[in-house]
Amino acid sequence: MMNLQRIYILLIISFLTGIFSYSQTISSDTISGNKQQMFISVDLLNPVAGFFSYKKSYSGFVSYKIKNKWAVTAEIGYEKNSYKKNNWDVEAKGIFGEAGVNYMLTNNPEDTGEGFYIGARIGFSPYKQKVKKYPVKEVDPEGHARTVGGGSLSEAGVSSGWIEAVVGAKVQLGKTPFYIDFMAKPKFLIFSGKQENIDNLVIPGYGKDKGAANISLYWGIGYKLF
């Protein structure tokens, strides 16, 4: 698991290094630091992908510039997903929310709000989980684990929380108030309530498969309110 986390960290460092190098080509004198801005955005990537998979995910977020290059953000969404692998069949559905800050690394001379940014979030999801099937294993005399049967659990409410880093870019569509917004969000699980000591294999807003790290992508359309 630590190897996976190191890979994520190296990817983030490489991405940020490239962004920082690019940002040096833009003069800080062009930034009009105190002009207020507010954006709303909806995700397009996951709803479209939902036509081709069991996963159904819908989310949107709002971003409000508070000072200089800093903005506060909040995201809310709903997700339904399943985990079917290695004799497991688990379904989860529920809302999720994230809140945090963005820091703009670049701005264009007109200070439209487009450019590269980084950020951090804390996320939480209270959701319903149904374990339709889980493997029951035993260890044979030679010390090898083998599946000897299966069990199931009725639907129950559980919850999970995580922190995440954000690297993204916002691009204005011509002279319109519409923007294309892209984010890559490595996520790190900080707590997860369990149902009868069974690991949560799919968490709305976080991802699939048990583990302390995951990553998600956001590609959407935004609108600048002011």
C-alpha atoms as a PDB file:
ATOM      1  CA  MET A   1       0.000   0.000   0.000  1.00  0.00           C
ATOM      2  CA  MET A   2       2.866   2.353   0.753  1.00  0.00           C
ATOM      3  CA  ASN A   3       4.192   1.716  -2.750  1.00  0.00           C
ATOM      4  CA  LEU A   4       0.851   2.862  -4.193  1.00  0.00           C
ATOM      5  CA  GLN A   5       0.918   6.016  -2.079  1.00  0.00           C
ATOM      6  CA  ARG A   6       4.478   6.773  -3.234  1.00  0.00           C
ATOM      7  CA  ILE A   7       3.353   6.458  -6.863  1.00  0.00           C
ATOM      8  CA  TYR A   8       0.550   8.963  -6.285  1.00  0.00           C
ATOM      9  CA  ILE A   9       2.913  11.369  -4.529  1.00  0.00           C
ATOM     10  CA  LEU A  10       5.471  11.154  -7.354  1.00  0.00           C
ATOM     11  CA  LEU A  11       2.756  11.805  -9.951  1.00  0.00           C
ATOM     12  CA  ILE A  12       1.539  14.838  -8.044  1.00  0.00           C
ATOM     13  CA  ILE A  13       5.070  16.216  -7.647  1.00  0.00           C
ATOM     14  CA  SER A  14       5.776  15.765 -11.370  1.00  0.00           C
ATOM     15  CA  PHE A  15       2.510  17.459 -12.336  1.00  0.00           C
ATOM     16  CA  LEU A  16       3.059  20.373  -9.975  1.00  0.00           C
ATOM     17  CA  THR A  17       6.640  20.824 -11.170  1.00  0.00           C
ATOM     18  CA  GLY A  18       5.385  21.233 -14.742  1.00  0.00           C
ATOM     19  CA  ILE A  19       2.670  23.650 -13.667  1.00  0.00           C
ATOM     20  CA  PHE A  20       5.111  25.703 -11.599  1.00  0.00           C
ATOM     21  CA  SER A  21       7.513  25.946 -14.517  1.00  0.00           C
ATOM     22  CA  TYR A  22       4.687  27.189 -16.728  1.00  0.00           C
ATOM     23  CA  SER A  23       3.498  29.659 -14.107  1.00  0.00           C
ATOM     24  CA  GLN A  24       6.870  31.387 -14.111  1.00  0.00           C
ATOM     25  CA  THR A  25       6.147  32.608 -17.656  1.00  0.00           C
ATOM     26  CA  ILE A  26       3.197  34.652 -16.408  1.00  0.00           C
ATOM     27  CA  SER A  27       3.966  37.895 -14.599  1.00  0.00           C
ATOM     28  CA  SER A  28       2.477  38.277 -11.140  1.00  0.00           C
ATOM     29  CA  ASP A  29       1.892  41.960 -11.993  1.00  0.00           C
ATOM     30  CA  THR A  30      -1.030  40.903 -14.180  1.00  0.00           C
ATOM     31  CA  ILE A  31      -2.998  39.478 -11.265  1.00  0.00           C
ATOM     32  CA  SER A  32      -5.817  41.658  -9.978  1.00  0.00           C
ATOM     33  CA  GLY A  33      -5.814  40.007  -6.590  1.00  0.00           C
ATOM     34  CA  ASN A  34      -8.973  41.201  -4.856  1.00  0.00           C
ATOM     35  CA  LYS A  35     -11.575  40.880  -7.615  1.00  0.00           C
ATOM     36  CA  GLN A  36     -14.319  38.541  -6.381  1.00  0.00           C
ATOM     37  CA  GLN A  37     -15.298  35.522  -8.470  1.00  0.00           C
ATOM     38  CA  MET A  38     -17.818  32.723  -8.086  1.00  0.00           C
ATOM     39  CA  PHE A  39     -18.176  29.614 -10.241  1.00  0.00           C
ATOM     40  CA  ILE A  40     -20.607  26.717 -10.328  1.00  0.00           C
ATOM     41  CA  SER A  41     -19.788  23.502 -12.183  1.00  0.00           C
ATOM     42  CA  VAL A  42     -21.306  20.089 -12.910  1.00  0.00           C
ATOM     43  CA  ASP A  43     -19.441  16.908 -13.728  1.00  0.00           C
ATOM     44  CA  LEU A  44     -19.945  15.467 -17.217  1.00  0.00           C
ATOM     45  CA  LEU A  45     -17.397  12.644 -17.235  1.00  0.00           C
ATOM     46  CA  ASN A  46     -19.008  10.274 -14.742  1.00  0.00           C
ATOM     47  CA  PRO A  47     -22.634  10.654 -15.906  1.00  0.00           C
ATOM     48  CA  VAL A  48     -21.551   9.856 -19.467  1.00  0.00           C
ATOM     49  CA  ALA A  49     -19.432   6.906 -18.290  1.00  0.00           C
ATOM     50  CA  GLY A  50     -22.495   5.672 -16.379  1.00  0.00           C
ATOM     51  CA  PHE A  51     -24.176   4.746 -19.662  1.00  0.00           C
ATOM     52  CA  PHE A  52     -21.535   2.014 -20.080  1.00  0.00           C
ATOM     53  CA  SER A  53     -21.183   0.707 -16.521  1.00  0.00           C
ATOM     54  CA  TYR A  54     -23.116  -0.052 -13.352  1.00  0.00           C
ATOM     55  CA  LYS A  55     -21.634   2.985 -11.620  1.00  0.00           C
ATOM     56  CA  LYS A  56     -23.941   6.012 -11.556  1.00  0.00           C
ATOM     57  CA  SER A  57     -22.372   9.193 -10.250  1.00  0.00           C
ATOM     58  CA  TYR A  58     -23.552  12.809 -10.336  1.00  0.00           C
ATOM     59  CA  SER A  59     -21.867  15.785  -8.716  1.00  0.00           C
ATOM     60  CA  GLY A  60     -21.348  19.508  -8.864  1.00  0.00           C
ATOM     61  CA  PHE A  61     -19.389  22.107  -6.980  1.00  0.00           C
ATOM     62  CA  VAL A  62     -19.206  25.805  -6.238  1.00  0.00           C
ATOM     63  CA  SER A  63     -16.027  27.869  -5.952  1.00  0.00           C
ATOM     64  CA  TYR A  64     -15.796  31.348  -4.417  1.00  0.00           C
ATOM     65  CA  LYS A  65     -12.663  33.481  -4.506  1.00  0.00           C
ATOM     66  CA  ILE A  66     -11.993  34.937  -1.067  1.00  0.00           C
ATOM     67  CA  LYS A  67      -8.629  36.675  -1.381  1.00  0.00           C
ATOM     68  CA  ASN A  68      -5.869  37.029  -3.945  1.00  0.00           C
ATOM     69  CA  LYS A  69      -5.494  33.568  -5.521  1.00  0.00           C
ATOM     70  CA  TRP A  70      -7.398  31.656  -2.816  1.00  0.00           C
ATOM     71  CA  ALA A  71     -10.890  30.224  -3.246  1.00  0.00           C
ATOM     72  CA  VAL A  72     -13.100  28.106  -1.004  1.00  0.00           C
ATOM     73  CA  THR A  73     -14.906  25.193  -2.643  1.00  0.00           C
ATOM     74  CA  ALA A  74     -17.722  22.802  -1.806  1.00  0.00           C
ATOM     75  CA  GLU A  75     -18.865  19.754  -3.755  1.00  0.00           C
ATOM     76  CA  ILE A  76     -21.906  17.540  -3.335  1.00  0.00           C
ATOM     77  CA  GLY A  77     -22.908  14.431  -5.228  1.00  0.00           C
ATOM     78  CA  TYR A  78     -24.707  11.104  -5.335  1.00  0.00           C
ATOM     79  CA  GLU A  79     -23.232   7.775  -6.347  1.00  0.00           C
ATOM     80  CA  LYS A  80     -24.390   4.198  -6.768  1.00  0.00           C
ATOM     81  CA  ASN A  81     -21.756   1.558  -7.404  1.00  0.00           C
ATOM     82  CA  SER A  82     -20.881  -2.094  -6.864  1.00  0.00           C
ATOM     83  CA  TYR A  83     -17.898  -4.318  -6.210  1.00  0.00           C
ATOM     84  CA  LYS A  84     -17.981  -7.780  -7.794  1.00  0.00           C
ATOM     85  CA  LYS A  85     -14.678  -9.592  -7.574  1.00  0.00           C
ATOM     86  CA  ASN A  86     -13.008 -12.498  -5.750  1.00  0.00           C
ATOM     87  CA  ASN A  87     -16.349 -13.953  -4.563  1.00  0.00           C
ATOM     88  CA  TRP A  88     -17.537 -10.575  -3.273  1.00  0.00           C
ATOM     89  CA  ASP A  89     -20.762  -8.874  -4.362  1.00  0.00           C
ATOM     90  CA  VAL A  90     -21.286  -5.536  -2.610  1.00  0.00           C
ATOM     91  CA  GLU A  91     -23.531  -2.609  -3.504  1.00  0.00           C
ATOM     92  CA  ALA A  92     -23.326   0.913  -2.106  1.00  0.00           C
ATOM     93  CA  LYS A  93     -25.350   4.062  -2.706  1.00  0.00           C
ATOM     94  CA  GLY A  94     -25.587   7.472  -1.094  1.00  0.00           C
ATOM     95  CA  ILE A  95     -24.583  11.093  -1.076  1.00  0.00           C
ATOM     96  CA  PHE A  96     -21.096  12.481  -0.545  1.00  0.00           C
ATOM     97  CA  GLY A  97     -19.694  15.903   0.122  1.00  0.00           C
ATOM     98  CA  GLU A  98     -16.302  17.581  -0.050  1.00  0.00           C
ATOM     99  CA  ALA A  99     -15.071  20.976   1.143  1.00  0.00           C
ATOM    100  CA  GLY A 100     -11.726  22.710   0.902  1.00  0.00           C
ATOM    101  CA  VAL A 101      -9.651  25.371  -0.822  1.00  0.00           C
ATOM    102  CA  ASN A 102      -8.043  26.039  -4.209  1.00  0.00           C
ATOM    103  CA  TYR A 103      -4.942  28.086  -4.941  1.00  0.00           C
ATOM    104  CA  MET A 104      -4.511  29.513  -8.449  1.00  0.00           C
ATOM    105  CA  LEU A 105      -1.005  29.004  -9.785  1.00  0.00           C
ATOM    106  CA  THR A 106      -1.681  31.034 -12.932  1.00  0.00           C
ATOM    107  CA  ASN A 107      -4.095  33.701 -14.103  1.00  0.00           C
ATOM    108  CA  ASN A 108      -4.372  35.350 -17.472  1.00  0.00           C
ATOM    109  CA  PRO A 109      -3.936  39.136 -17.736  1.00  0.00           C
ATOM    110  CA  GLU A 110      -7.691  39.776 -17.659  1.00  0.00           C
ATOM    111  CA  ASP A 111      -8.037  37.732 -14.461  1.00  0.00           C
ATOM    112  CA  THR A 112     -10.946  35.700 -15.821  1.00  0.00           C
ATOM    113  CA  GLY A 113     -10.306  32.879 -13.382  1.00  0.00           C
ATOM    114  CA  GLU A 114      -8.917  30.412 -15.912  1.00  0.00           C
ATOM    115  CA  GLY A 115      -5.568  28.737 -15.343  1.00  0.00           C
ATOM    116  CA  PHE A 116      -3.913  25.958 -13.360  1.00  0.00           C
ATOM    117  CA  TYR A 117      -4.636  25.396  -9.686  1.00  0.00           C
ATOM    118  CA  ILE A 118      -3.950  23.092  -6.773  1.00  0.00           C
ATOM    119  CA  GLY A 119      -6.031  22.437  -3.695  1.00  0.00           C
ATOM    120  CA  ALA A 120      -7.019  20.217  -0.817  1.00  0.00           C
ATOM    121  CA  ARG A 121     -10.324  18.760   0.332  1.00  0.00           C
ATOM    122  CA  ILE A 122     -11.860  16.775   3.128  1.00  0.00           C
ATOM    123  CA  GLY A 123     -14.630  14.393   2.075  1.00  0.00           C
ATOM    124  CA  PHE A 124     -17.373  12.460   3.832  1.00  0.00           C
ATOM    125  CA  SER A 125     -20.071  10.024   2.758  1.00  0.00           C
ATOM    126  CA  PRO A 126     -22.931   8.551   4.827  1.00  0.00           C
ATOM    127  CA  TYR A 127     -24.298   5.772   2.648  1.00  0.00           C
ATOM    128  CA  LYS A 128     -26.165   2.489   2.454  1.00  0.00           C
ATOM    129  CA  GLN A 129     -24.225  -0.721   1.914  1.00  0.00           C
ATOM    130  CA  LYS A 130     -25.554  -4.175   1.064  1.00  0.00           C
ATOM    131  CA  VAL A 131     -23.221  -7.168   1.130  1.00  0.00           C
ATOM    132  CA  LYS A 132     -25.001  -9.611  -1.144  1.00  0.00           C
ATOM    133  CA  LYS A 133     -22.176 -12.122  -0.974  1.00  0.00           C
ATOM    134  CA  TYR A 134     -18.874 -12.496   0.841  1.00  0.00           C
ATOM    135  CA  PRO A 135     -16.481 -15.461   0.923  1.00  0.00           C
ATOM    136  CA  VAL A 136     -16.077 -17.648   3.989  1.00  0.00           C
ATOM    137  CA  LYS A 137     -12.570 -19.061   4.219  1.00  0.00           C
ATOM    138  CA  GLU A 138     -10.692 -21.567   6.328  1.00  0.00           C
ATOM    139  CA  VAL A 139      -7.050 -22.554   6.641  1.00  0.00           C
ATOM    140  CA  ASP A 140      -6.170 -26.151   5.766  1.00  0.00           C
ATOM    141  CA  PRO A 141      -3.586 -28.182   7.711  1.00  0.00           C
ATOM    142  CA  GLU A 142      -0.873 -27.010   5.332  1.00  0.00           C
ATOM    143  CA  GLY A 143      -1.589 -23.367   6.134  1.00  0.00           C
ATOM    144  CA  HIS A 144      -3.331 -22.477   2.869  1.00  0.00           C
ATOM    145  CA  ALA A 145      -6.525 -20.405   2.946  1.00  0.00           C
ATOM    146  CA  ARG A 146      -9.391 -21.647   0.805  1.00  0.00           C
ATOM    147  CA  THR A 147     -12.975 -20.571   0.243  1.00  0.00           C
ATOM    148  CA  VAL A 148     -15.457 -22.993   1.767  1.00  0.00           C
ATOM    149  CA  GLY A 149     -18.680 -21.072   1.430  1.00  0.00           C
ATOM    150  CA  GLY A 150     -20.340 -17.691   1.406  1.00  0.00           C
ATOM    151  CA  GLY A 151     -22.515 -15.392   3.417  1.00  0.00           C
ATOM    152  CA  SER A 152     -24.485 -12.179   3.080  1.00  0.00           C
ATOM    153  CA  LEU A 153     -25.499  -9.130   5.121  1.00  0.00           C
ATOM    154  CA  SER A 154     -28.631  -7.032   4.910  1.00  0.00           C
ATOM    155  CA  GLU A 155     -28.476  -3.366   3.937  1.00  0.00           C
ATOM    156  CA  ALA A 156     -27.031  -1.100   6.612  1.00  0.00           C
ATOM    157  CA  GLY A 157     -25.904   2.465   7.017  1.00  0.00           C
ATOM    158  CA  VAL A 158     -22.158   3.110   7.188  1.00  0.00           C
ATOM    159  CA  SER A 159     -19.927   6.130   6.645  1.00  0.00           C
ATOM    160  CA  SER A 160     -16.408   6.943   5.471  1.00  0.00           C
ATOM    161  CA  GLY A 161     -14.158   9.991   5.350  1.00  0.00           C
ATOM    162  CA  TRP A 162     -11.069  10.944   3.395  1.00  0.00           C
ATOM    163  CA  ILE A 163      -8.701  13.760   2.522  1.00  0.00           C
ATOM    164  CA  GLU A 164      -7.572  14.546  -0.988  1.00  0.00           C
ATOM    165  CA  ALA A 165      -5.180  16.652  -3.000  1.00  0.00           C
ATOM    166  CA  VAL A 166      -6.398  18.438  -6.130  1.00  0.00           C
ATOM    167  CA  VAL A 167      -4.575  19.432  -9.307  1.00  0.00           C
ATOM    168  CA  GLY A 168      -6.641  21.007 -12.024  1.00  0.00           C
ATOM    169  CA  ALA A 169      -7.136  23.509 -14.813  1.00  0.00           C
ATOM    170  CA  LYS A 170      -9.970  25.821 -15.844  1.00  0.00           C
ATOM    171  CA  VAL A 171     -10.287  27.042 -19.450  1.00  0.00           C
ATOM    172  CA  GLN A 172     -12.723  29.708 -20.645  1.00  0.00           C
ATOM    173  CA  LEU A 173     -14.806  28.942 -23.718  1.00  0.00           C
ATOM    174  CA  GLY A 174     -14.148  31.973 -25.874  1.00  0.00           C
ATOM    175  CA  LYS A 175     -15.551  35.165 -24.370  1.00  0.00           C
ATOM    176  CA  THR A 176     -18.499  33.393 -22.756  1.00  0.00           C
ATOM    177  CA  PRO A 177     -19.041  32.855 -19.010  1.00  0.00           C
ATOM    178  CA  PHE A 178     -18.712  29.095 -19.552  1.00  0.00           C
ATOM    179  CA  TYR A 179     -15.607  27.124 -18.626  1.00  0.00           C
ATOM    180  CA  ILE A 180     -14.199  23.638 -19.018  1.00  0.00           C
ATOM    181  CA  ASP A 181     -12.943  22.369 -15.668  1.00  0.00           C
ATOM    182  CA  PHE A 182     -10.660  19.356 -15.185  1.00  0.00           C
ATOM    183  CA  MET A 183      -9.376  17.898 -11.908  1.00  0.00           C
ATOM    184  CA  ALA A 184      -7.308  14.895 -10.837  1.00  0.00           C
ATOM    185  CA  LYS A 185      -7.895  14.057  -7.178  1.00  0.00           C
ATOM    186  CA  PRO A 186      -5.701  11.542  -5.319  1.00  0.00           C
ATOM    187  CA  LYS A 187      -7.616  10.485  -2.190  1.00  0.00           C
ATOM    188  CA  PHE A 188      -6.499   9.016   1.119  1.00  0.00           C
ATOM    189  CA  LEU A 189      -8.950   7.243   3.416  1.00  0.00           C
ATOM    190  CA  ILE A 190      -8.829   8.441   7.038  1.00  0.00           C
ATOM    191  CA  PHE A 191     -11.704   6.454   8.540  1.00  0.00           C
ATOM    192  CA  SER A 192     -14.332   3.962   7.459  1.00  0.00           C
ATOM    193  CA  GLY A 193     -17.098   2.503   9.585  1.00  0.00           C
ATOM    194  CA  LYS A 194     -17.433  -1.249   9.127  1.00  0.00           C
ATOM    195  CA  GLN A 195     -20.436  -3.527   9.023  1.00  0.00           C
ATOM    196  CA  GLU A 196     -19.642  -6.568  11.199  1.00  0.00           C
ATOM    197  CA  ASN A 197     -15.869  -5.964  10.729  1.00  0.00           C
ATOM    198  CA  ILE A 198     -16.084  -6.236   6.930  1.00  0.00           C
ATOM    199  CA  ASP A 199     -13.999  -3.726   4.990  1.00  0.00           C
ATOM    200  CA  ASN A 200     -15.959  -1.273   2.848  1.00  0.00           C
ATOM    201  CA  LEU A 201     -15.091  -2.232  -0.722  1.00  0.00           C
ATOM    202  CA  VAL A 202     -16.948   0.574  -2.495  1.00  0.00           C
ATOM    203  CA  ILE A 203     -17.488   4.085  -1.108  1.00  0.00           C
ATOM    204  CA  PRO A 204     -19.514   6.823  -2.862  1.00  0.00           C
ATOM    205  CA  GLY A 205     -17.244   9.719  -3.769  1.00  0.00           C
ATOM    206  CA  TYR A 206     -14.095   7.805  -2.840  1.00  0.00           C
ATOM    207  CA  GLY A 207     -13.927   4.798  -5.128  1.00  0.00           C
ATOM    208  CA  LYS A 208     -13.788   1.026  -5.280  1.00  0.00           C
ATOM    209  CA  ASP A 209     -11.585  -1.586  -3.674  1.00  0.00           C
ATOM    210  CA  LYS A 210     -10.299  -1.499  -0.128  1.00  0.00           C
ATOM    211  CA  GLY A 211      -7.133   0.427   0.538  1.00  0.00           C
ATOM    212  CA  ALA A 212      -5.835   3.675   1.946  1.00  0.00           C
ATOM    213  CA  ALA A 213      -5.418   5.459  -1.410  1.00  0.00           C
ATOM    214  CA  ASN A 214      -7.465   6.037  -4.548  1.00  0.00           C
ATOM    215  CA  ILE A 215      -7.782   8.576  -7.354  1.00  0.00           C
ATOM    216  CA  SER A 216     -10.685  10.093  -9.256  1.00  0.00           C
ATOM    217  CA  LEU A 217     -11.101  12.389 -12.239  1.00  0.00           C
ATOM    218  CA  TYR A 218     -13.513  15.282 -12.741  1.00  0.00           C
ATOM    219  CA  TRP A 219     -14.247  16.801 -16.154  1.00  0.00           C
ATOM    220  CA  GLY A 220     -17.115  19.227 -16.272  1.00  0.00           C
ATOM    221  CA  ILE A 221     -18.666  22.431 -17.480  1.00  0.00           C
ATOM    222  CA  GLY A 222     -18.681  25.522 -15.290  1.00  0.00           C
ATOM    223  CA  TYR A 223     -20.413  28.898 -15.284  1.00  0.00           C
ATOM    224  CA  LYS A 224     -19.002  32.132 -13.897  1.00  0.00           C
ATOM    225  CA  LEU A 225     -21.690  33.927 -11.872  1.00  0.00           C
ATOM    226  CA  PHE A 226     -19.507  37.011 -11.306  1.00  0.00           C
END
